[in-house]
C-alpha atoms as a PDB file:
ATOM      1  CA  MET A   1     -11.053   4.570  35.100  1.00  0.00           C
ATOM      2  CA  LEU A   2     -12.050   7.961  33.670  1.00  0.00           C
ATOM      3  CA  GLN A   3      -8.625   9.393  34.447  1.00  0.00           C
ATOM      4  CA  GLN A   4      -6.958   6.427  32.780  1.00  0.00           C
ATOM      5  CA  MET A   5      -9.133   6.913  29.712  1.00  0.00           C
ATOM      6  CA  LYS A   6      -8.150  10.573  29.554  1.00  0.00           C
ATOM      7  CA  SER A   7      -4.452   9.720  29.680  1.00  0.00           C
ATOM      8  CA  MET A   8      -4.904   7.407  26.684  1.00  0.00           C
ATOM      9  CA  ALA A   9      -7.145   9.747  24.703  1.00  0.00           C
ATOM     10  CA  ARG A  10      -4.396  11.620  22.856  1.00  0.00           C
ATOM     11  CA  PRO A  11      -2.666   8.535  21.345  1.00  0.00           C
ATOM     12  CA  TYR A  12      -5.980   7.077  20.268  1.00  0.00           C
ATOM     13  CA  GLY A  13      -7.056  10.446  18.920  1.00  0.00           C
ATOM     14  CA  ALA A  14      -3.904  10.532  16.800  1.00  0.00           C
ATOM     15  CA  LEU A  15      -4.636   7.014  15.556  1.00  0.00           C
ATOM     16  CA  PHE A  16      -8.200   7.919  14.617  1.00  0.00           C
ATOM     17  CA  ALA A  17      -7.015  11.111  12.906  1.00  0.00           C
ATOM     18  CA  LEU A  18      -4.504   9.084  10.893  1.00  0.00           C
ATOM     19  CA  ALA A  19      -7.213   6.643   9.842  1.00  0.00           C
ATOM     20  CA  LEU A  20      -9.554   9.456   8.809  1.00  0.00           C
ATOM     21  CA  SER A  21      -6.735  11.158   6.891  1.00  0.00           C
ATOM     22  CA  VAL A  22      -6.083   7.997   4.896  1.00  0.00           C
ATOM     23  CA  ALA A  23      -9.822   7.565   4.309  1.00  0.00           C
ATOM     24  CA  VAL A  24     -10.162  11.142   3.020  1.00  0.00           C
ATOM     25  CA  VAL A  25      -7.191  10.747   0.674  1.00  0.00           C
ATOM     26  CA  ALA A  26      -8.605   7.430  -0.575  1.00  0.00           C
ATOM     27  CA  ARG A  27     -12.015   9.014  -1.137  1.00  0.00           C
ATOM     28  CA  ILE A  28     -10.426  11.796  -3.176  1.00  0.00           C
ATOM     29  CA  GLY A  29      -8.644   9.177  -5.254  1.00  0.00           C
ATOM     30  CA  LEU A  30     -11.882   7.281  -5.854  1.00  0.00           C
ATOM     31  CA  ALA A  31     -13.590  10.504  -6.915  1.00  0.00           C
ATOM     32  CA  VAL A  32     -10.811  11.149  -9.435  1.00  0.00           C
ATOM     33  CA  MET A  33     -11.100   7.583 -10.725  1.00  0.00           C
ATOM     34  CA  ASP A  34     -14.857   7.959 -11.032  1.00  0.00           C
ATOM     35  CA  VAL A  35     -14.618  11.206 -12.999  1.00  0.00           C
ATOM     36  CA  SER A  36     -11.855   9.857 -15.249  1.00  0.00           C
ATOM     37  CA  GLY A  37     -13.786   6.661 -15.973  1.00  0.00           C
ATOM     38  CA  THR A  38     -11.247   4.357 -14.320  1.00  0.00           C
ATOM     39  CA  LEU A  39     -13.896   2.813 -12.092  1.00  0.00           C
ATOM     40  CA  ALA A  40     -16.004   0.396 -14.104  1.00  0.00           C
ATOM     41  CA  TYR A  41     -19.755   0.073 -13.704  1.00  0.00           C
ATOM     42  CA  ASP A  42     -20.324  -2.157 -16.732  1.00  0.00           C
ATOM     43  CA  TYR A  43     -22.005  -5.513 -16.539  1.00  0.00           C
ATOM     44  CA  ILE A  44     -19.710  -8.473 -17.097  1.00  0.00           C
ATOM     45  CA  SER A  45     -21.693  -9.373 -20.204  1.00  0.00           C
ATOM     46  CA  ALA A  46     -20.771  -6.067 -21.809  1.00  0.00           C
ATOM     47  CA  SER A  47     -17.970  -6.038 -24.338  1.00  0.00           C
ATOM     48  CA  GLY A  48     -14.653  -4.341 -23.738  1.00  0.00           C
ATOM     49  CA  VAL A  49     -14.861  -4.372 -19.946  1.00  0.00           C
ATOM     50  CA  PRO A  50     -11.686  -3.909 -17.876  1.00  0.00           C
ATOM     51  CA  ILE A  51      -9.596  -7.026 -17.330  1.00  0.00           C
ATOM     52  CA  LEU A  52      -9.967  -6.975 -13.543  1.00  0.00           C
ATOM     53  CA  ASP A  53     -13.738  -7.139 -13.932  1.00  0.00           C
ATOM     54  CA  VAL A  54     -13.416 -10.162 -16.192  1.00  0.00           C
ATOM     55  CA  ILE A  55     -11.088 -11.958 -13.774  1.00  0.00           C
ATOM     56  CA  CYS A  56     -13.183 -11.172 -10.713  1.00  0.00           C
ATOM     57  CA  SER A  57     -16.339 -12.352 -12.463  1.00  0.00           C
ATOM     58  CA  ILE A  58     -15.374 -15.960 -11.697  1.00  0.00           C
ATOM     59  CA  LEU A  59     -15.420 -15.373  -7.934  1.00  0.00           C
ATOM     60  CA  THR A  60     -18.275 -16.714  -5.861  1.00  0.00           C
ATOM     61  CA  GLY A  61     -19.534 -14.847  -2.813  1.00  0.00           C
ATOM     62  CA  SER A  62     -17.532 -16.990  -0.402  1.00  0.00           C
ATOM     63  CA  ALA A  63     -14.387 -16.683  -2.527  1.00  0.00           C
ATOM     64  CA  PHE A  64     -14.807 -12.912  -2.611  1.00  0.00           C
ATOM     65  CA  VAL A  65     -15.065 -12.756   1.189  1.00  0.00           C
ATOM     66  CA  ALA A  66     -12.013 -15.005   1.491  1.00  0.00           C
ATOM     67  CA  PHE A  67     -10.063 -12.686  -0.792  1.00  0.00           C
ATOM     68  CA  LEU A  68     -11.103  -9.769   1.407  1.00  0.00           C
ATOM     69  CA  PHE A  69      -9.552 -11.598   4.359  1.00  0.00           C
ATOM     70  CA  ALA A  70      -6.390 -12.302   2.353  1.00  0.00           C
ATOM     71  CA  ALA A  71      -6.139  -8.640   1.376  1.00  0.00           C
ATOM     72  CA  ALA A  72      -6.728  -7.550   4.975  1.00  0.00           C
ATOM     73  CA  LEU A  73      -3.971  -9.894   6.155  1.00  0.00           C
ATOM     74  CA  THR A  74      -1.590  -8.492   3.553  1.00  0.00           C
ATOM     75  CA  LEU A  75      -2.360  -4.907   4.531  1.00  0.00           C
ATOM     76  CA  SER A  76      -2.058  -5.746   8.233  1.00  0.00           C
ATOM     77  CA  VAL A  77       1.409  -7.251   7.752  1.00  0.00           C
ATOM     78  CA  SER A  78       2.489  -4.236   5.703  1.00  0.00           C
ATOM     79  CA  THR A  79       1.180  -1.741   8.256  1.00  0.00           C
ATOM     80  CA  ALA A  80       2.662  -3.689  11.149  1.00  0.00           C
ATOM     81  CA  GLY A  81       6.044  -3.670   9.407  1.00  0.00           C
ATOM     82  CA  VAL A  82       6.026   0.117   9.189  1.00  0.00           C
ATOM     83  CA  ALA A  83       4.838   0.444  12.796  1.00  0.00           C
ATOM     84  CA  LEU A  84       7.549  -1.961  13.969  1.00  0.00           C
ATOM     85  CA  TYR A  85      10.243   0.000  12.158  1.00  0.00           C
ATOM     86  CA  GLY A  86       8.940   3.175  13.753  1.00  0.00           C
ATOM     87  CA  PHE A  87       9.072   1.538  17.181  1.00  0.00           C
ATOM     88  CA  LEU A  88      12.657   0.420  16.594  1.00  0.00           C
ATOM     89  CA  CYS A  89      13.520   3.966  15.567  1.00  0.00           C
ATOM     90  CA  TRP A  90      11.867   5.348  18.691  1.00  0.00           C
ATOM     91  CA  ARG A  91      13.777   2.812  20.812  1.00  0.00           C
ATOM     92  CA  GLY A  92      17.034   3.891  19.187  1.00  0.00           C
ATOM     93  CA  ASP A  93      18.073   0.560  17.693  1.00  0.00           C
ATOM     94  CA  ALA A  94      21.261   0.582  15.638  1.00  0.00           C
ATOM     95  CA  GLY A  95      20.448   0.754  11.952  1.00  0.00           C
ATOM     96  CA  ALA A  96      17.050   2.331  12.415  1.00  0.00           C
ATOM     97  CA  ALA A  97      16.325   5.589  10.574  1.00  0.00           C
ATOM     98  CA  GLN A  98      18.654   4.531   7.751  1.00  0.00           C
ATOM     99  CA  PRO A  99      17.276   4.421   4.188  1.00  0.00           C
ATOM    100  CA  GLY A 100      19.149   1.183   3.481  1.00  0.00           C
ATOM    101  CA  THR A 101      17.582  -0.740   6.343  1.00  0.00           C
ATOM    102  CA  ALA A 102      14.195   0.851   5.687  1.00  0.00           C
ATOM    103  CA  PHE A 103      14.321  -0.310   2.071  1.00  0.00           C
ATOM    104  CA  LEU A 104      15.500  -3.842   2.864  1.00  0.00           C
ATOM    105  CA  TRP A 105      13.007  -4.427   5.668  1.00  0.00           C
ATOM    106  CA  GLY A 106      10.284  -2.806   3.598  1.00  0.00           C
ATOM    107  CA  TRP A 107      11.012  -5.190   0.738  1.00  0.00           C
ATOM    108  CA  ALA A 108      11.167  -8.152   3.129  1.00  0.00           C
ATOM    109  CA  THR A 109       7.813  -7.136   4.598  1.00  0.00           C
ATOM    110  CA  ALA A 110       6.331  -6.813   1.117  1.00  0.00           C
ATOM    111  CA  LEU A 111       7.547 -10.284   0.145  1.00  0.00           C
ATOM    112  CA  VAL A 112       6.173 -11.860   3.328  1.00  0.00           C
ATOM    113  CA  SER A 113       2.823 -10.127   2.865  1.00  0.00           C
ATOM    114  CA  ILE A 114       2.615 -11.384  -0.729  1.00  0.00           C
ATOM    115  CA  VAL A 115       3.507 -14.908   0.413  1.00  0.00           C
ATOM    116  CA  CYS A 116       0.725 -14.714   3.017  1.00  0.00           C
ATOM    117  CA  LEU A 117      -1.654 -13.592   0.283  1.00  0.00           C
ATOM    118  CA  LEU A 118      -0.670 -16.495  -1.967  1.00  0.00           C
ATOM    119  CA  VAL A 119      -0.939 -19.029   0.867  1.00  0.00           C
ATOM    120  CA  VAL A 120      -4.493 -17.965   1.643  1.00  0.00           C
ATOM    121  CA  ALA A 121      -5.441 -17.565  -2.023  1.00  0.00           C
ATOM    122  CA  SER A 122      -4.233 -21.081  -2.819  1.00  0.00           C
ATOM    123  CA  GLY A 123      -7.095 -22.492  -0.758  1.00  0.00           C
ATOM    124  CA  ILE A 124      -9.816 -20.197  -2.071  1.00  0.00           C
ATOM    125  CA  LEU A 125     -10.228 -21.128  -5.723  1.00  0.00           C
ATOM    126  CA  SER A 126     -11.229 -24.475  -7.143  1.00  0.00           C
ATOM    127  CA  ALA A 127      -9.415 -26.114 -10.042  1.00  0.00           C
ATOM    128  CA  VAL A 128     -12.165 -24.961 -12.395  1.00  0.00           C
ATOM    129  CA  GLN A 129     -11.861 -21.357 -11.203  1.00  0.00           C
ATOM    130  CA  VAL A 130      -8.066 -21.447 -11.496  1.00  0.00           C
ATOM    131  CA  ALA A 131      -8.333 -22.773 -15.044  1.00  0.00           C
ATOM    132  CA  SER A 132     -10.890 -20.115 -15.938  1.00  0.00           C
ATOM    133  CA  MET A 133      -8.727 -17.352 -14.475  1.00  0.00           C
ATOM    134  CA  SER A 134      -5.574 -18.696 -16.133  1.00  0.00           C
ATOM    135  CA  SER A 135      -7.221 -18.475 -19.532  1.00  0.00           C
ATOM    136  CA  LYS A 136      -7.735 -14.741 -19.000  1.00  0.00           C
ATOM    137  CA  LEU A 137      -4.231 -13.985 -17.699  1.00  0.00           C
ATOM    138  CA  PRO A 138      -0.926 -13.534 -19.564  1.00  0.00           C
ATOM    139  CA  GLY A 139       1.800 -16.190 -19.549  1.00  0.00           C
ATOM    140  CA  MET A 140       3.503 -17.438 -16.378  1.00  0.00           C
ATOM    141  CA  ALA A 141       6.763 -15.608 -17.126  1.00  0.00           C
ATOM    142  CA  LEU A 142       4.909 -12.311 -17.375  1.00  0.00           C
ATOM    143  CA  ILE A 143       3.008 -13.041 -14.165  1.00  0.00           C
ATOM    144  CA  VAL A 144       6.251 -13.770 -12.282  1.00  0.00           C
ATOM    145  CA  LEU A 145       7.778 -10.568 -13.637  1.00  0.00           C
ATOM    146  CA  GLY A 146       4.686  -8.682 -12.552  1.00  0.00           C
ATOM    147  CA  VAL A 147       4.932 -10.086  -9.020  1.00  0.00           C
ATOM    148  CA  ILE A 148       8.595  -9.035  -8.809  1.00  0.00           C
ATOM    149  CA  VAL A 149       7.819  -5.518 -10.022  1.00  0.00           C
ATOM    150  CA  PHE A 150       4.850  -5.289  -7.665  1.00  0.00           C
ATOM    151  CA  ALA A 151       7.033  -6.433  -4.748  1.00  0.00           C
ATOM    152  CA  ALA A 152       9.593  -3.763  -5.643  1.00  0.00           C
ATOM    153  CA  PHE A 153       6.828  -1.165  -5.760  1.00  0.00           C
ATOM    154  CA  ILE A 154       5.346  -2.183  -2.403  1.00  0.00           C
ATOM    155  CA  GLY A 155       8.802  -2.658  -0.869  1.00  0.00           C
ATOM    156  CA  THR A 156       9.935   0.862  -1.723  1.00  0.00           C
ATOM    157  CA  LEU A 157       6.569   2.207  -0.574  1.00  0.00           C
ATOM    158  CA  LEU A 158       6.914   0.504   2.814  1.00  0.00           C
ATOM    159  CA  GLY A 159      10.515   1.674   3.048  1.00  0.00           C
ATOM    160  CA  ALA A 160       9.412   5.231   2.366  1.00  0.00           C
ATOM    161  CA  ALA A 161       6.612   4.967   4.927  1.00  0.00           C
ATOM    162  CA  SER A 162       9.055   3.612   7.511  1.00  0.00           C
ATOM    163  CA  MET A 163      11.482   6.476   6.961  1.00  0.00           C
ATOM    164  CA  VAL A 164       8.680   9.045   7.109  1.00  0.00           C
ATOM    165  CA  VAL A 165       7.544   7.616  10.453  1.00  0.00           C
ATOM    166  CA  CYS A 166      11.126   7.763  11.746  1.00  0.00           C
ATOM    167  CA  ALA A 167      11.483  11.358  10.606  1.00  0.00           C
ATOM    168  CA  CYS A 168       8.258  12.251  12.413  1.00  0.00           C
ATOM    169  CA  ILE A 169       9.463  10.519  15.580  1.00  0.00           C
ATOM    170  CA  LYS A 170      12.804  12.316  15.547  1.00  0.00           C
ATOM    171  CA  ARG A 171      11.231  15.722  14.935  1.00  0.00           C
ATOM    172  CA  ALA A 172       8.694  15.141  17.692  1.00  0.00           C
ATOM    173  CA  ARG A 173      11.443  14.022  20.063  1.00  0.00           C
ATOM    174  CA  VAL A 174      13.410  17.209  19.427  1.00  0.00           C
ATOM    175  CA  ARG A 175      10.322  19.339  19.990  1.00  0.00           C
ATOM    176  CA  GLY A 176       9.216  17.283  22.958  1.00  0.00           C
ATOM    177  CA  ARG A 177       5.637  16.916  21.695  1.00  0.00           C
ATOM    178  CA  GLY A 178       3.412  16.804  18.632  1.00  0.00           C
ATOM    179  CA  LEU A 179       4.100  13.313  17.261  1.00  0.00           C
ATOM    180  CA  GLY A 180       0.452  12.644  16.466  1.00  0.00           C
ATOM    181  CA  ARG A 181       0.030  15.950  14.653  1.00  0.00           C
ATOM    182  CA  THR A 182       3.241  15.402  12.699  1.00  0.00           C
ATOM    183  CA  LEU A 183       2.147  11.926  11.632  1.00  0.00           C
ATOM    184  CA  VAL A 184      -1.236  13.203  10.451  1.00  0.00           C
ATOM    185  CA  VAL A 185       0.359  15.977   8.383  1.00  0.00           C
ATOM    186  CA  ALA A 186       2.837  13.498   6.895  1.00  0.00           C
ATOM    187  CA  ALA A 187       0.044  11.043   6.106  1.00  0.00           C
ATOM    188  CA  LEU A 188      -1.917  13.731   4.274  1.00  0.00           C
ATOM    189  CA  GLY A 189       1.060  15.127   2.377  1.00  0.00           C
ATOM    190  CA  CYS A 190       2.673  11.848   1.369  1.00  0.00           C
ATOM    191  CA  GLY A 191      -0.718  10.184   1.000  1.00  0.00           C
ATOM    192  CA  LEU A 192      -1.817  12.627  -1.687  1.00  0.00           C
ATOM    193  CA  VAL A 193       1.344  11.910  -3.680  1.00  0.00           C
ATOM    194  CA  VAL A 194       0.878   8.155  -3.351  1.00  0.00           C
ATOM    195  CA  MET A 195      -2.814   8.504  -4.208  1.00  0.00           C
ATOM    196  CA  VAL A 196      -2.056  10.215  -7.523  1.00  0.00           C
ATOM    197  CA  LEU A 197       0.419   7.499  -8.471  1.00  0.00           C
ATOM    198  CA  THR A 198      -1.927   4.731  -7.347  1.00  0.00           C
ATOM    199  CA  VAL A 199      -4.778   6.103  -9.440  1.00  0.00           C
ATOM    200  CA  GLY A 200      -2.551   6.276 -12.501  1.00  0.00           C
ATOM    201  CA  THR A 201      -1.129   2.800 -11.958  1.00  0.00           C
ATOM    202  CA  PHE A 202      -4.540   1.253 -11.392  1.00  0.00           C
ATOM    203  CA  ALA A 203      -5.946   3.002 -14.451  1.00  0.00           C
ATOM    204  CA  SER A 204      -3.154   1.563 -16.598  1.00  0.00           C
ATOM    205  CA  ILE A 205      -3.943  -1.968 -15.397  1.00  0.00           C
ATOM    206  CA  ASN A 206      -7.726  -1.907 -15.234  1.00  0.00           C
ATOM    207  CA  THR A 207      -8.340  -1.637 -18.969  1.00  0.00           C
ATOM    208  CA  ALA A 208      -9.682  -3.964 -21.615  1.00  0.00           C
ATOM    209  CA  ASN A 209      -6.344  -3.862 -23.473  1.00  0.00           C
ATOM    210  CA  ILE A 210      -3.331  -3.519 -21.195  1.00  0.00           C
ATOM    211  CA  GLN A 211      -0.342  -1.701 -22.683  1.00  0.00           C
ATOM    212  CA  MET A 212       2.728  -3.036 -20.917  1.00  0.00           C
ATOM    213  CA  GLY A 213       4.788   0.040 -21.759  1.00  0.00           C
ATOM    214  CA  VAL A 214       2.305   2.311 -19.997  1.00  0.00           C
ATOM    215  CA  VAL A 215       2.048  -0.028 -17.009  1.00  0.00           C
ATOM    216  CA  GLY A 216       5.826  -0.251 -16.757  1.00  0.00           C
ATOM    217  CA  ALA A 217       6.163   3.526 -16.908  1.00  0.00           C
ATOM    218  CA  TRP A 218       3.692   3.978 -14.059  1.00  0.00           C
ATOM    219  CA  PHE A 219       5.401   1.355 -11.900  1.00  0.00           C
ATOM    220  CA  ALA A 220       8.772   2.970 -12.617  1.00  0.00           C
ATOM    221  CA  ALA A 221       7.351   6.338 -11.568  1.00  0.00           C
ATOM    222  CA  ASP A 222       5.963   4.741  -8.401  1.00  0.00           C
ATOM    223  CA  ILE A 223       9.335   3.299  -7.451  1.00  0.00           C
ATOM    224  CA  VAL A 224      11.237   6.510  -8.225  1.00  0.00           C
ATOM    225  CA  VAL A 225       8.854   8.635  -6.145  1.00  0.00           C
ATOM    226  CA  ASN A 226       8.907   6.116  -3.291  1.00  0.00           C
ATOM    227  CA  VAL A 227      12.706   6.186  -3.228  1.00  0.00           C
ATOM    228  CA  ALA A 228      12.648   9.988  -3.351  1.00  0.00           C
ATOM    229  CA  LEU A 229      10.266  10.102  -0.384  1.00  0.00           C
ATOM    230  CA  MET A 230      12.451   7.645   1.498  1.00  0.00           C
ATOM    231  CA  LEU A 231      15.642   9.625   0.893  1.00  0.00           C
ATOM    232  CA  GLY A 232      13.914  12.915   1.666  1.00  0.00           C
ATOM    233  CA  ALA A 233      12.615  11.551   4.955  1.00  0.00           C
ATOM    234  CA  ALA A 234      16.109  10.270   5.757  1.00  0.00           C
ATOM    235  CA  VAL A 235      17.511  13.771   5.292  1.00  0.00           C
ATOM    236  CA  ILE A 236      14.836  15.227   7.571  1.00  0.00           C
ATOM    237  CA  ALA A 237      15.489  12.550  10.189  1.00  0.00           C
ATOM    238  CA  LYS A 238      19.218  13.236  10.069  1.00  0.00           C
ATOM    239  CA  LYS A 239      18.752  16.976  10.509  1.00  0.00           C
ATOM    240  CA  ALA A 240      16.301  16.568  13.388  1.00  0.00           C
END
């Protein structure tokens, strides 16, 4: 048993290192948000509080926990999509390690994860809570547009992550070792870039008065950078 555990230690060590890398990058982002005032600590009764605080104020404890599950499901589907694409790349499937397929499957994964979120969320809120939340949200057309833009943002992000994983796999295969180390370095490097964009995007949304031009500019920057990461990873994978 001990020998078997030792043989599995390196893959699990790489997994734990990846998780800690993401946690460190996220903690840095939260520190930046705290210093910049993006994180809100106001009471709901205070005036001029960020819109997300107002919306979330209608949630009960059980609804909040249910939303945590819905968010976890969404993140799990997204992460599994990237891992699956990496596995297909490692297996050498036709079409893997191509930016086109990475983008399309990333977008498909994003749409499915959002659908899963909506399915779970539809059973969380009561009619009274939905009515209360609707009164604080913009019109339906703007909400639909926001979902489409958000799906494009997440889709390109997942596509970029998939291509980065493929590039790491191909480089490790050429070297014959070091996949875990390569993934950790990629997670830190790309994660810092994504963290900066995420902080800016969240700050543009979590305000008392949302300026759609600013929000749109941040989402556009997110998508452009995601596509750039995806194409850059594709070049690295091709050269490996």
